[in-house]
Amino acid sequence: MTSRAALLALAWVALTGEVSPGNVVFALALGAGAVALGHPLGPGGFARVRPLRLARFGLYFVGQVALANVRVARAVLAPLRRLRPAIVAVPLSLDREAEVALLANLLTLTPGTLSLEVSEDRRTLYVHALGVDDPEALRREVREGFERRIREALR
């Protein structure tokens, strides 16, 4: 068993608040399964995981989701002319399949944005977004925010 699996098991026991033999065994099995399924191996996977940077990235993502909720609420309550939806081609600097998939999914989880497609060569992500005044600003936000932090946490 890896230290990641043990950490996940510990987190499970802490979150459930039940320190029984059955729950601990279940938590260990759940942690081992999560590590096996959640850590892709091979050339398309993550090179390594840096827990502190991953935690910082998690906080950044939560902040971005909160900010996006405010933006979407403001756009929904405003007149239609302020929605300004657009599909923006975002050039990607990430080259691992798992990193591109993570980026696409995190953008989709952020209110007001939806990842539509990744080009066949995985160099461009097409994103539908609300409130796009400047497509380059959206590209910069993805590149300097999400992509940079994914690289820092998972390489």
C-alpha atoms as a PDB file:
ATOM      1  CA  MET A   1       0.000   0.000   0.000  1.00  0.00           C
ATOM      2  CA  THR A   2       1.268   3.436  -0.875  1.00  0.00           C
ATOM      3  CA  SER A   3       1.394   6.470   1.350  1.00  0.00           C
ATOM      4  CA  ARG A   4      -1.209   8.134  -0.888  1.00  0.00           C
ATOM      5  CA  ALA A   5      -3.649   5.307  -0.298  1.00  0.00           C
ATOM      6  CA  ALA A   6      -3.032   5.477   3.451  1.00  0.00           C
ATOM      7  CA  LEU A   7      -3.560   9.260   3.393  1.00  0.00           C
ATOM      8  CA  LEU A   8      -6.841   8.833   1.514  1.00  0.00           C
ATOM      9  CA  ALA A   9      -7.904   6.156   3.994  1.00  0.00           C
ATOM     10  CA  LEU A  10      -7.102   8.460   6.884  1.00  0.00           C
ATOM     11  CA  ALA A  11      -9.102  11.240   5.250  1.00  0.00           C
ATOM     12  CA  TRP A  12     -12.051   8.863   4.777  1.00  0.00           C
ATOM     13  CA  VAL A  13     -12.014   7.804   8.419  1.00  0.00           C
ATOM     14  CA  ALA A  14     -11.764  11.442   9.527  1.00  0.00           C
ATOM     15  CA  LEU A  15     -14.630  12.521   7.276  1.00  0.00           C
ATOM     16  CA  THR A  16     -16.935   9.691   8.303  1.00  0.00           C
ATOM     17  CA  GLY A  17     -15.995  10.034  11.970  1.00  0.00           C
ATOM     18  CA  GLU A  18     -16.140   6.257  12.454  1.00  0.00           C
ATOM     19  CA  VAL A  19     -13.026   4.460  13.652  1.00  0.00           C
ATOM     20  CA  SER A  20     -14.277   0.884  13.461  1.00  0.00           C
ATOM     21  CA  PRO A  21     -12.325  -2.055  12.025  1.00  0.00           C
ATOM     22  CA  GLY A  22     -14.793  -2.410   9.168  1.00  0.00           C
ATOM     23  CA  ASN A  23     -14.619   1.260   8.232  1.00  0.00           C
ATOM     24  CA  VAL A  24     -10.804   1.280   8.397  1.00  0.00           C
ATOM     25  CA  VAL A  25     -10.567  -1.792   6.132  1.00  0.00           C
ATOM     26  CA  PHE A  26     -13.089  -0.233   3.739  1.00  0.00           C
ATOM     27  CA  ALA A  27     -11.146   3.051   3.784  1.00  0.00           C
ATOM     28  CA  LEU A  28      -7.880   1.266   2.989  1.00  0.00           C
ATOM     29  CA  ALA A  29      -9.495  -0.591   0.082  1.00  0.00           C
ATOM     30  CA  LEU A  30     -11.107   2.627  -1.143  1.00  0.00           C
ATOM     31  CA  GLY A  31      -7.792   4.503  -0.889  1.00  0.00           C
ATOM     32  CA  ALA A  32      -5.892   1.785  -2.762  1.00  0.00           C
ATOM     33  CA  GLY A  33      -8.565   1.701  -5.472  1.00  0.00           C
ATOM     34  CA  ALA A  34      -8.573   5.479  -5.812  1.00  0.00           C
ATOM     35  CA  VAL A  35      -4.807   5.565  -6.188  1.00  0.00           C
ATOM     36  CA  ALA A  36      -4.879   2.751  -8.758  1.00  0.00           C
ATOM     37  CA  LEU A  37      -7.648   4.387 -10.805  1.00  0.00           C
ATOM     38  CA  GLY A  38      -6.821   8.023 -10.200  1.00  0.00           C
ATOM     39  CA  HIS A  39      -3.129   7.993 -10.999  1.00  0.00           C
ATOM     40  CA  PRO A  40      -2.716   7.158 -14.698  1.00  0.00           C
ATOM     41  CA  LEU A  41       0.517   5.446 -15.589  1.00  0.00           C
ATOM     42  CA  GLY A  42       2.526   5.645 -18.771  1.00  0.00           C
ATOM     43  CA  PRO A  43       3.377   8.478 -21.135  1.00  0.00           C
ATOM     44  CA  GLY A  44      -0.090  10.063 -20.985  1.00  0.00           C
ATOM     45  CA  GLY A  45      -0.293  10.141 -17.192  1.00  0.00           C
ATOM     46  CA  PHE A  46       0.986  12.420 -14.476  1.00  0.00           C
ATOM     47  CA  ALA A  47       4.745  12.469 -13.972  1.00  0.00           C
ATOM     48  CA  ARG A  48       4.443  12.940 -10.201  1.00  0.00           C
ATOM     49  CA  VAL A  49       2.125  14.585  -7.723  1.00  0.00           C
ATOM     50  CA  ARG A  50       3.291  17.382  -5.437  1.00  0.00           C
ATOM     51  CA  PRO A  51       0.789  17.372  -2.551  1.00  0.00           C
ATOM     52  CA  LEU A  52       1.347  20.937  -1.299  1.00  0.00           C
ATOM     53  CA  ARG A  53       1.120  22.432  -4.771  1.00  0.00           C
ATOM     54  CA  LEU A  54      -1.892  20.241  -5.491  1.00  0.00           C
ATOM     55  CA  ALA A  55      -3.535  21.587  -2.316  1.00  0.00           C
ATOM     56  CA  ARG A  56      -2.766  25.167  -3.411  1.00  0.00           C
ATOM     57  CA  PHE A  57      -4.219  24.367  -6.813  1.00  0.00           C
ATOM     58  CA  GLY A  58      -7.338  23.006  -5.102  1.00  0.00           C
ATOM     59  CA  LEU A  59      -7.740  26.279  -3.203  1.00  0.00           C
ATOM     60  CA  TYR A  60      -7.209  28.238  -6.427  1.00  0.00           C
ATOM     61  CA  PHE A  61      -9.878  26.140  -8.144  1.00  0.00           C
ATOM     62  CA  VAL A  62     -12.381  26.653  -5.305  1.00  0.00           C
ATOM     63  CA  GLY A  63     -11.740  30.409  -5.538  1.00  0.00           C
ATOM     64  CA  GLN A  64     -12.234  30.357  -9.300  1.00  0.00           C
ATOM     65  CA  VAL A  65     -15.522  28.459  -8.909  1.00  0.00           C
ATOM     66  CA  ALA A  66     -16.748  31.016  -6.352  1.00  0.00           C
ATOM     67  CA  LEU A  67     -15.722  33.912  -8.593  1.00  0.00           C
ATOM     68  CA  ALA A  68     -17.344  32.265 -11.614  1.00  0.00           C
ATOM     69  CA  ASN A  69     -20.586  31.805  -9.674  1.00  0.00           C
ATOM     70  CA  VAL A  70     -20.680  35.534  -8.963  1.00  0.00           C
ATOM     71  CA  ARG A  71     -19.955  36.347 -12.626  1.00  0.00           C
ATOM     72  CA  VAL A  72     -22.663  33.990 -13.888  1.00  0.00           C
ATOM     73  CA  ALA A  73     -25.216  35.303 -11.386  1.00  0.00           C
ATOM     74  CA  ARG A  74     -24.423  38.863 -12.453  1.00  0.00           C
ATOM     75  CA  ALA A  75     -24.702  37.925 -16.141  1.00  0.00           C
ATOM     76  CA  VAL A  76     -27.997  36.087 -15.635  1.00  0.00           C
ATOM     77  CA  LEU A  77     -29.544  38.980 -13.732  1.00  0.00           C
ATOM     78  CA  ALA A  78     -28.334  41.562 -16.258  1.00  0.00           C
ATOM     79  CA  PRO A  79     -29.935  42.247 -19.652  1.00  0.00           C
ATOM     80  CA  LEU A  80     -29.216  39.680 -22.380  1.00  0.00           C
ATOM     81  CA  ARG A  81     -26.801  41.964 -24.207  1.00  0.00           C
ATOM     82  CA  ARG A  82     -24.327  41.445 -21.347  1.00  0.00           C
ATOM     83  CA  LEU A  83     -24.072  37.653 -21.714  1.00  0.00           C
ATOM     84  CA  ARG A  84     -21.569  37.822 -24.605  1.00  0.00           C
ATOM     85  CA  PRO A  85     -21.111  34.063 -25.076  1.00  0.00           C
ATOM     86  CA  ALA A  86     -18.249  32.915 -27.286  1.00  0.00           C
ATOM     87  CA  ILE A  87     -16.374  29.826 -28.346  1.00  0.00           C
ATOM     88  CA  VAL A  88     -12.666  30.404 -27.856  1.00  0.00           C
ATOM     89  CA  ALA A  89      -9.802  28.275 -29.145  1.00  0.00           C
ATOM     90  CA  VAL A  90      -7.306  27.977 -26.306  1.00  0.00           C
ATOM     91  CA  PRO A  91      -3.797  26.819 -27.324  1.00  0.00           C
ATOM     92  CA  LEU A  92      -2.504  24.256 -24.835  1.00  0.00           C
ATOM     93  CA  SER A  93       0.984  23.973 -23.416  1.00  0.00           C
ATOM     94  CA  LEU A  94       0.109  20.767 -21.536  1.00  0.00           C
ATOM     95  CA  ASP A  95       1.117  17.693 -23.501  1.00  0.00           C
ATOM     96  CA  ARG A  96       0.158  14.737 -21.307  1.00  0.00           C
ATOM     97  CA  GLU A  97      -3.251  13.257 -21.986  1.00  0.00           C
ATOM     98  CA  ALA A  98      -4.176  13.119 -18.298  1.00  0.00           C
ATOM     99  CA  GLU A  99      -3.269  16.791 -17.792  1.00  0.00           C
ATOM    100  CA  VAL A 100      -5.336  17.895 -20.799  1.00  0.00           C
ATOM    101  CA  ALA A 101      -8.287  15.813 -19.565  1.00  0.00           C
ATOM    102  CA  LEU A 102      -7.945  17.318 -16.077  1.00  0.00           C
ATOM    103  CA  LEU A 103      -7.868  20.859 -17.492  1.00  0.00           C
ATOM    104  CA  ALA A 104     -10.895  20.242 -19.712  1.00  0.00           C
ATOM    105  CA  ASN A 105     -12.885  18.770 -16.834  1.00  0.00           C
ATOM    106  CA  LEU A 106     -11.963  21.525 -14.377  1.00  0.00           C
ATOM    107  CA  LEU A 107     -12.977  24.196 -16.881  1.00  0.00           C
ATOM    108  CA  THR A 108     -16.297  22.427 -17.392  1.00  0.00           C
ATOM    109  CA  LEU A 109     -16.838  22.331 -13.617  1.00  0.00           C
ATOM    110  CA  THR A 110     -16.303  26.097 -13.469  1.00  0.00           C
ATOM    111  CA  PRO A 111     -19.647  27.879 -13.933  1.00  0.00           C
ATOM    112  CA  GLY A 112     -19.925  29.827 -17.178  1.00  0.00           C
ATOM    113  CA  THR A 113     -17.402  27.711 -19.082  1.00  0.00           C
ATOM    114  CA  LEU A 114     -17.736  24.446 -20.942  1.00  0.00           C
ATOM    115  CA  SER A 115     -14.977  22.483 -22.638  1.00  0.00           C
ATOM    116  CA  LEU A 116     -16.328  21.501 -26.025  1.00  0.00           C
ATOM    117  CA  GLU A 117     -13.528  19.625 -27.732  1.00  0.00           C
ATOM    118  CA  VAL A 118      -9.816  18.962 -27.734  1.00  0.00           C
ATOM    119  CA  SER A 119      -8.167  18.970 -31.133  1.00  0.00           C
ATOM    120  CA  GLU A 120      -6.815  15.645 -32.384  1.00  0.00           C
ATOM    121  CA  ASP A 121      -3.234  16.777 -31.811  1.00  0.00           C
ATOM    122  CA  ARG A 122      -4.186  17.876 -28.220  1.00  0.00           C
ATOM    123  CA  ARG A 123      -2.752  21.340 -28.833  1.00  0.00           C
ATOM    124  CA  THR A 124      -6.043  23.278 -28.767  1.00  0.00           C
ATOM    125  CA  LEU A 125      -9.006  23.202 -26.402  1.00  0.00           C
ATOM    126  CA  TYR A 126     -12.260  24.744 -27.573  1.00  0.00           C
ATOM    127  CA  VAL A 127     -14.095  26.408 -24.701  1.00  0.00           C
ATOM    128  CA  HIS A 128     -17.577  27.931 -24.654  1.00  0.00           C
ATOM    129  CA  ALA A 129     -17.703  30.776 -22.144  1.00  0.00           C
ATOM    130  CA  LEU A 130     -20.136  33.436 -21.008  1.00  0.00           C
ATOM    131  CA  GLY A 131     -19.137  37.065 -20.686  1.00  0.00           C
ATOM    132  CA  VAL A 132     -16.253  37.056 -23.145  1.00  0.00           C
ATOM    133  CA  ASP A 133     -15.212  40.650 -23.806  1.00  0.00           C
ATOM    134  CA  ASP A 134     -11.682  39.684 -24.760  1.00  0.00           C
ATOM    135  CA  PRO A 135     -10.922  36.148 -26.004  1.00  0.00           C
ATOM    136  CA  GLU A 136      -7.214  36.706 -25.343  1.00  0.00           C
ATOM    137  CA  ALA A 137      -7.977  37.432 -21.669  1.00  0.00           C
ATOM    138  CA  LEU A 138      -9.739  34.056 -21.404  1.00  0.00           C
ATOM    139  CA  ARG A 139      -6.768  32.320 -23.048  1.00  0.00           C
ATOM    140  CA  ARG A 140      -4.395  34.083 -20.643  1.00  0.00           C
ATOM    141  CA  GLU A 141      -6.562  33.121 -17.643  1.00  0.00           C
ATOM    142  CA  VAL A 142      -6.469  29.447 -18.668  1.00  0.00           C
ATOM    143  CA  ARG A 143      -2.746  29.507 -19.495  1.00  0.00           C
ATOM    144  CA  GLU A 144      -1.528  31.470 -16.454  1.00  0.00           C
ATOM    145  CA  GLY A 145      -4.104  30.134 -14.019  1.00  0.00           C
ATOM    146  CA  PHE A 146      -5.198  26.567 -14.627  1.00  0.00           C
ATOM    147  CA  GLU A 147      -2.430  25.264 -16.909  1.00  0.00           C
ATOM    148  CA  ARG A 148       0.449  26.710 -14.904  1.00  0.00           C
ATOM    149  CA  ARG A 149      -0.908  25.327 -11.640  1.00  0.00           C
ATOM    150  CA  ILE A 150      -1.562  21.893 -13.140  1.00  0.00           C
ATOM    151  CA  ARG A 151       2.033  21.805 -14.400  1.00  0.00           C
ATOM    152  CA  GLU A 152       3.373  22.879 -10.996  1.00  0.00           C
ATOM    153  CA  ALA A 153       1.303  20.301  -9.085  1.00  0.00           C
ATOM    154  CA  LEU A 154       1.662  17.313 -11.378  1.00  0.00           C
ATOM    155  CA  ARG A 155       5.156  17.443 -12.878  1.00  0.00           C
END
